[in-house]
């Protein structure tokens, strides 16, 4: 069963999430730029860069999952709230959004607008 986070617990993990994500994002952006420059001329180099990007993103996702958070996309981290997800996307500074299980990223709302969960 997935871990359920209070808002405070999820927010407490944000410094770790940001410190893991920022440098990896920058390296991935650099590799992607290099890949776009060599793709047409050097297939072997392009393949090596694609492999590096894949390993980099998978390593980031594994590190985020080690925090018991969910990786829902590239640079997108969700924390199960018990009735949806506290939702963060790079480069946001803070954890300030929530969305339902069914709604996904496109339906996120500010945490202050989160519906009250009824048991």
N, C-alpha and C. Protein backbone atom coordinates (compact mmCIF):
# COMPACT_ATOMS: atom_id res chain seq x y z
N UNK A 1 0.83 -1.18 0.00
CA UNK A 1 0.00 0.00 0.00
C UNK A 1 0.87 1.24 0.00
N UNK A 2 0.48 2.24 -0.76
CA UNK A 2 1.24 3.47 -0.86
C UNK A 2 1.16 4.26 0.44
N UNK A 3 2.20 4.98 0.72
CA UNK A 3 2.22 5.83 1.91
C UNK A 3 1.29 7.02 1.69
N UNK A 4 0.54 7.37 2.72
CA UNK A 4 -0.31 8.56 2.70
C UNK A 4 0.40 9.64 3.51
N UNK A 5 0.49 10.83 2.92
CA UNK A 5 1.20 11.95 3.52
C UNK A 5 0.24 13.02 4.00
N UNK A 6 0.49 13.55 5.19
CA UNK A 6 -0.16 14.80 5.56
C UNK A 6 0.53 15.89 4.74
N UNK A 7 -0.09 17.04 4.66
CA UNK A 7 0.52 18.14 3.94
C UNK A 7 1.87 18.50 4.57
N UNK A 8 1.92 18.50 5.88
CA UNK A 8 3.17 18.84 6.58
C UNK A 8 4.27 17.83 6.26
N UNK A 9 3.93 16.54 6.22
CA UNK A 9 4.93 15.52 5.89
C UNK A 9 5.45 15.69 4.47
N UNK A 10 4.54 15.96 3.54
CA UNK A 10 4.96 16.16 2.15
C UNK A 10 5.83 17.41 2.03
N UNK A 11 5.42 18.49 2.68
CA UNK A 11 6.21 19.72 2.62
C UNK A 11 7.59 19.54 3.23
N UNK A 12 7.69 18.70 4.26
CA UNK A 12 8.99 18.45 4.89
C UNK A 12 9.97 17.77 3.95
N UNK A 13 9.47 17.05 2.95
CA UNK A 13 10.34 16.38 1.98
C UNK A 13 10.74 17.27 0.81
N UNK A 14 10.12 18.43 0.69
CA UNK A 14 10.38 19.27 -0.47
C UNK A 14 11.83 19.75 -0.61
N UNK A 15 12.53 20.08 0.47
CA UNK A 15 13.94 20.45 0.27
C UNK A 15 14.73 19.32 -0.40
N UNK A 16 14.48 18.08 -0.01
CA UNK A 16 15.17 16.94 -0.62
C UNK A 16 14.75 16.79 -2.08
N UNK A 17 13.46 16.92 -2.35
CA UNK A 17 12.96 16.78 -3.73
C UNK A 17 13.58 17.86 -4.62
N UNK A 18 13.58 19.09 -4.14
CA UNK A 18 14.16 20.18 -4.94
C UNK A 18 15.65 20.00 -5.14
N UNK A 19 16.36 19.59 -4.08
CA UNK A 19 17.82 19.44 -4.21
C UNK A 19 18.19 18.28 -5.13
N UNK A 20 17.32 17.27 -5.24
CA UNK A 20 17.56 16.17 -6.18
C UNK A 20 17.20 16.59 -7.60
N UNK A 21 16.15 17.36 -7.74
CA UNK A 21 15.59 17.63 -9.06
C UNK A 21 16.34 18.72 -9.81
N UNK A 22 16.66 19.80 -9.16
CA UNK A 22 17.31 20.93 -9.84
C UNK A 22 18.56 20.55 -10.62
N UNK A 23 19.56 19.95 -9.98
CA UNK A 23 20.79 19.60 -10.69
C UNK A 23 20.55 18.56 -11.80
N UNK A 24 19.66 17.61 -11.54
CA UNK A 24 19.38 16.59 -12.56
C UNK A 24 18.69 17.22 -13.76
N UNK A 25 17.76 18.14 -13.50
CA UNK A 25 17.10 18.86 -14.59
C UNK A 25 18.14 19.60 -15.43
N UNK A 26 19.05 20.31 -14.78
CA UNK A 26 20.07 21.08 -15.51
C UNK A 26 20.95 20.16 -16.36
N UNK A 27 21.36 19.05 -15.79
CA UNK A 27 22.19 18.10 -16.55
C UNK A 27 21.39 17.51 -17.71
N UNK A 28 20.14 17.15 -17.47
CA UNK A 28 19.31 16.60 -18.54
C UNK A 28 19.12 17.63 -19.66
N UNK A 29 18.91 18.88 -19.30
CA UNK A 29 18.75 19.93 -20.31
C UNK A 29 20.02 20.08 -21.14
N UNK A 30 21.17 20.00 -20.49
CA UNK A 30 22.44 20.08 -21.19
C UNK A 30 22.64 18.90 -22.13
N UNK A 31 22.32 17.70 -21.65
CA UNK A 31 22.44 16.51 -22.50
C UNK A 31 21.47 16.57 -23.67
N UNK A 32 20.26 17.05 -23.42
CA UNK A 32 19.26 17.15 -24.50
C UNK A 32 19.71 18.17 -25.56
N UNK A 33 20.32 19.25 -25.11
CA UNK A 33 20.83 20.25 -26.07
C UNK A 33 21.95 19.65 -26.91
N UNK A 34 22.86 18.95 -26.25
CA UNK A 34 23.96 18.29 -26.97
C UNK A 34 23.40 17.25 -27.94
N UNK A 35 22.40 16.50 -27.50
CA UNK A 35 21.77 15.50 -28.36
C UNK A 35 21.18 16.14 -29.61
N UNK A 36 20.50 17.26 -29.45
CA UNK A 36 19.89 17.91 -30.61
C UNK A 36 20.95 18.42 -31.60
N UNK A 37 22.14 18.73 -31.10
CA UNK A 37 23.21 19.20 -31.96
C UNK A 37 23.89 18.08 -32.74
N UNK A 38 23.92 16.86 -32.19
CA UNK A 38 24.66 15.77 -32.84
C UNK A 38 23.76 14.74 -33.52
N UNK A 39 22.46 14.81 -33.27
CA UNK A 39 21.54 13.77 -33.75
C UNK A 39 21.67 13.47 -35.24
N UNK A 40 21.77 14.49 -36.04
CA UNK A 40 21.81 14.30 -37.50
C UNK A 40 23.17 13.84 -38.01
N UNK A 41 24.25 14.19 -37.28
CA UNK A 41 25.59 13.90 -37.80
C UNK A 41 26.25 12.66 -37.22
N UNK A 42 25.93 12.30 -35.98
CA UNK A 42 26.68 11.24 -35.31
C UNK A 42 25.73 10.34 -34.53
N UNK A 43 25.23 9.30 -35.19
CA UNK A 43 24.23 8.43 -34.57
C UNK A 43 24.77 7.71 -33.34
N UNK A 44 26.03 7.33 -33.36
CA UNK A 44 26.62 6.63 -32.21
C UNK A 44 26.65 7.56 -31.00
N UNK A 45 27.08 8.79 -31.21
CA UNK A 45 27.11 9.77 -30.11
C UNK A 45 25.70 10.07 -29.63
N UNK A 46 24.76 10.21 -30.57
CA UNK A 46 23.36 10.47 -30.21
C UNK A 46 22.80 9.33 -29.36
N UNK A 47 23.09 8.10 -29.74
CA UNK A 47 22.60 6.95 -28.97
C UNK A 47 23.19 6.94 -27.57
N UNK A 48 24.46 7.27 -27.45
CA UNK A 48 25.10 7.33 -26.13
C UNK A 48 24.46 8.41 -25.27
N UNK A 49 24.14 9.54 -25.87
CA UNK A 49 23.48 10.62 -25.13
C UNK A 49 22.06 10.23 -24.71
N UNK A 50 21.35 9.55 -25.60
CA UNK A 50 20.01 9.06 -25.24
C UNK A 50 20.08 8.11 -24.05
N UNK A 51 21.07 7.22 -24.08
CA UNK A 51 21.25 6.27 -22.98
C UNK A 51 21.56 7.01 -21.68
N UNK A 52 22.43 8.00 -21.75
CA UNK A 52 22.76 8.78 -20.54
C UNK A 52 21.53 9.48 -20.00
N UNK A 53 20.74 10.06 -20.88
CA UNK A 53 19.50 10.73 -20.46
C UNK A 53 18.56 9.75 -19.78
N UNK A 54 18.42 8.58 -20.37
CA UNK A 54 17.54 7.56 -19.81
C UNK A 54 17.98 7.16 -18.40
N UNK A 55 19.26 6.90 -18.24
CA UNK A 55 19.80 6.51 -16.94
C UNK A 55 19.63 7.65 -15.93
N UNK A 56 19.87 8.87 -16.35
CA UNK A 56 19.74 10.04 -15.48
C UNK A 56 18.31 10.18 -14.97
N UNK A 57 17.35 10.11 -15.88
CA UNK A 57 15.94 10.26 -15.50
C UNK A 57 15.50 9.09 -14.61
N UNK A 58 15.90 7.89 -14.95
CA UNK A 58 15.54 6.73 -14.12
C UNK A 58 16.15 6.84 -12.73
N UNK A 59 17.37 7.32 -12.63
CA UNK A 59 18.01 7.49 -11.32
C UNK A 59 17.28 8.53 -10.49
N UNK A 60 16.89 9.65 -11.13
CA UNK A 60 16.10 10.67 -10.43
C UNK A 60 14.79 10.08 -9.94
N UNK A 61 14.08 9.36 -10.80
CA UNK A 61 12.79 8.78 -10.43
C UNK A 61 12.95 7.80 -9.27
N UNK A 62 14.00 6.99 -9.31
CA UNK A 62 14.25 6.04 -8.22
C UNK A 62 14.51 6.78 -6.90
N UNK A 63 15.27 7.86 -6.95
CA UNK A 63 15.56 8.63 -5.74
C UNK A 63 14.28 9.24 -5.17
N UNK A 64 13.39 9.73 -6.03
CA UNK A 64 12.12 10.29 -5.58
C UNK A 64 11.26 9.18 -4.97
N UNK A 65 11.20 8.04 -5.62
CA UNK A 65 10.41 6.91 -5.09
C UNK A 65 10.96 6.42 -3.75
N UNK A 66 12.26 6.56 -3.54
CA UNK A 66 12.86 6.19 -2.25
C UNK A 66 12.30 7.03 -1.11
N UNK A 67 11.73 8.20 -1.43
CA UNK A 67 11.08 9.05 -0.43
C UNK A 67 9.62 8.65 -0.22
N UNK A 68 9.17 7.61 -0.92
CA UNK A 68 7.78 7.13 -0.92
C UNK A 68 6.84 8.06 -1.68
N UNK A 69 7.39 8.95 -2.48
CA UNK A 69 6.59 9.81 -3.34
C UNK A 69 6.37 9.10 -4.68
N UNK A 70 5.44 9.62 -5.46
CA UNK A 70 5.15 9.06 -6.78
C UNK A 70 5.71 9.97 -7.86
N UNK A 71 6.31 9.39 -8.87
CA UNK A 71 6.76 10.13 -10.05
C UNK A 71 5.67 9.96 -11.08
N UNK A 72 5.04 11.07 -11.47
CA UNK A 72 3.91 11.00 -12.40
C UNK A 72 4.27 11.51 -13.78
N UNK A 73 5.49 11.94 -13.95
CA UNK A 73 5.97 12.43 -15.23
C UNK A 73 7.34 13.03 -15.03
N UNK A 74 7.88 13.54 -16.10
CA UNK A 74 9.21 14.14 -16.03
C UNK A 74 9.17 15.38 -15.16
N UNK A 75 9.90 15.33 -14.05
CA UNK A 75 10.02 16.42 -13.08
C UNK A 75 8.69 16.71 -12.38
N UNK A 76 7.84 15.72 -12.28
CA UNK A 76 6.52 15.85 -11.65
C UNK A 76 6.43 14.84 -10.50
N UNK A 77 6.20 15.36 -9.29
CA UNK A 77 6.19 14.53 -8.08
C UNK A 77 4.86 14.69 -7.36
N UNK A 78 4.25 13.57 -7.02
CA UNK A 78 3.00 13.56 -6.26
C UNK A 78 3.19 12.83 -4.94
N UNK A 79 2.49 13.31 -3.93
CA UNK A 79 2.45 12.68 -2.62
C UNK A 79 0.99 12.32 -2.35
N UNK A 80 0.72 11.06 -2.09
CA UNK A 80 -0.65 10.60 -1.85
C UNK A 80 -1.19 11.28 -0.59
N UNK A 81 -2.33 11.96 -0.72
CA UNK A 81 -2.94 12.66 0.41
C UNK A 81 -4.05 11.85 1.07
N UNK A 82 -4.35 10.69 0.52
CA UNK A 82 -5.45 9.88 1.03
C UNK A 82 -6.74 10.09 0.26
N UNK A 83 -6.84 11.22 -0.43
CA UNK A 83 -8.02 11.50 -1.26
C UNK A 83 -7.63 12.16 -2.58
N UNK A 84 -6.35 12.07 -2.91
CA UNK A 84 -5.80 12.67 -4.11
C UNK A 84 -4.30 12.81 -3.92
N UNK A 85 -3.72 13.84 -4.53
CA UNK A 85 -2.28 14.02 -4.45
C UNK A 85 -1.90 15.47 -4.19
N UNK A 86 -0.95 15.65 -3.26
CA UNK A 86 -0.23 16.91 -3.17
C UNK A 86 0.71 16.88 -4.37
N UNK A 87 0.71 17.91 -5.18
CA UNK A 87 1.37 17.84 -6.50
C UNK A 87 2.41 18.95 -6.66
N UNK A 88 3.60 18.54 -7.10
CA UNK A 88 4.69 19.49 -7.33
C UNK A 88 5.32 19.22 -8.69
N UNK A 89 5.67 20.29 -9.39
CA UNK A 89 6.36 20.18 -10.68
C UNK A 89 7.54 21.15 -10.70
N UNK A 90 8.67 20.67 -11.14
CA UNK A 90 9.84 21.54 -11.29
C UNK A 90 9.52 22.60 -12.34
N UNK A 91 9.82 23.85 -12.11
CA UNK A 91 10.69 24.47 -11.11
C UNK A 91 9.94 25.15 -9.95
N UNK A 92 8.75 24.70 -9.63
CA UNK A 92 8.00 25.33 -8.55
C UNK A 92 8.84 25.35 -7.27
N UNK A 93 8.74 26.43 -6.54
CA UNK A 93 9.50 26.57 -5.29
C UNK A 93 8.92 25.74 -4.17
N UNK A 94 7.58 25.71 -4.08
CA UNK A 94 6.92 25.08 -2.94
C UNK A 94 5.85 24.11 -3.40
N UNK A 95 5.41 23.31 -2.46
CA UNK A 95 4.30 22.38 -2.69
C UNK A 95 3.02 23.16 -2.42
N UNK A 96 2.32 23.54 -3.47
CA UNK A 96 1.17 24.42 -3.31
C UNK A 96 -0.08 23.95 -4.04
N UNK A 97 -0.04 22.75 -4.63
CA UNK A 97 -1.17 22.28 -5.42
C UNK A 97 -1.61 20.88 -5.01
N UNK A 98 -2.85 20.57 -5.36
CA UNK A 98 -3.46 19.28 -5.07
C UNK A 98 -4.32 18.90 -6.27
N UNK A 99 -4.46 17.59 -6.53
CA UNK A 99 -5.43 17.13 -7.52
C UNK A 99 -5.99 15.78 -7.09
N UNK A 100 -7.18 15.47 -7.59
CA UNK A 100 -7.83 14.21 -7.26
C UNK A 100 -7.09 13.05 -7.92
N UNK A 101 -7.40 11.84 -7.49
CA UNK A 101 -6.81 10.66 -8.11
C UNK A 101 -7.17 10.59 -9.59
N UNK A 102 -8.40 10.90 -9.91
CA UNK A 102 -8.88 10.78 -11.28
C UNK A 102 -8.47 11.96 -12.15
N UNK A 103 -8.34 13.13 -11.56
CA UNK A 103 -8.16 14.35 -12.32
C UNK A 103 -6.80 14.53 -12.96
N UNK A 104 -5.76 14.15 -12.29
CA UNK A 104 -4.42 14.31 -12.83
C UNK A 104 -3.94 15.75 -12.80
N UNK A 105 -2.75 15.94 -13.34
CA UNK A 105 -2.05 17.22 -13.31
C UNK A 105 -2.91 18.37 -13.83
N UNK A 106 -3.62 18.13 -14.90
CA UNK A 106 -4.42 19.19 -15.52
C UNK A 106 -5.54 19.72 -14.65
N UNK A 107 -5.89 18.96 -13.60
CA UNK A 107 -6.98 19.40 -12.74
C UNK A 107 -6.48 19.93 -11.39
N UNK A 108 -5.19 20.19 -11.29
CA UNK A 108 -4.70 20.63 -9.99
C UNK A 108 -5.25 21.99 -9.61
N UNK A 109 -5.41 22.15 -8.33
CA UNK A 109 -5.91 23.40 -7.75
C UNK A 109 -4.99 23.77 -6.60
N UNK A 110 -4.97 25.06 -6.23
CA UNK A 110 -4.20 25.43 -5.04
C UNK A 110 -4.69 24.63 -3.83
N UNK A 111 -3.79 24.29 -2.95
CA UNK A 111 -4.13 23.50 -1.78
C UNK A 111 -5.28 24.14 -1.00
N UNK A 112 -5.33 25.45 -0.99
CA UNK A 112 -6.40 26.14 -0.27
C UNK A 112 -7.78 25.87 -0.86
N UNK A 113 -7.83 25.37 -2.10
CA UNK A 113 -9.10 25.06 -2.75
C UNK A 113 -9.40 23.56 -2.75
N UNK A 114 -8.56 22.77 -2.07
CA UNK A 114 -8.76 21.33 -2.00
C UNK A 114 -10.10 21.04 -1.32
N UNK A 115 -10.90 20.18 -1.92
CA UNK A 115 -12.16 19.80 -1.27
C UNK A 115 -11.88 19.11 0.07
N UNK A 116 -12.77 19.32 1.01
CA UNK A 116 -12.65 18.67 2.31
C UNK A 116 -13.05 17.22 2.15
N UNK A 117 -12.19 16.33 2.60
CA UNK A 117 -12.44 14.89 2.48
C UNK A 117 -13.48 14.47 3.51
N UNK A 118 -14.54 13.83 3.08
CA UNK A 118 -15.60 13.33 3.96
C UNK A 118 -15.44 11.83 4.14
N UNK A 119 -15.46 11.35 5.35
CA UNK A 119 -15.36 9.90 5.60
C UNK A 119 -16.73 9.32 5.82
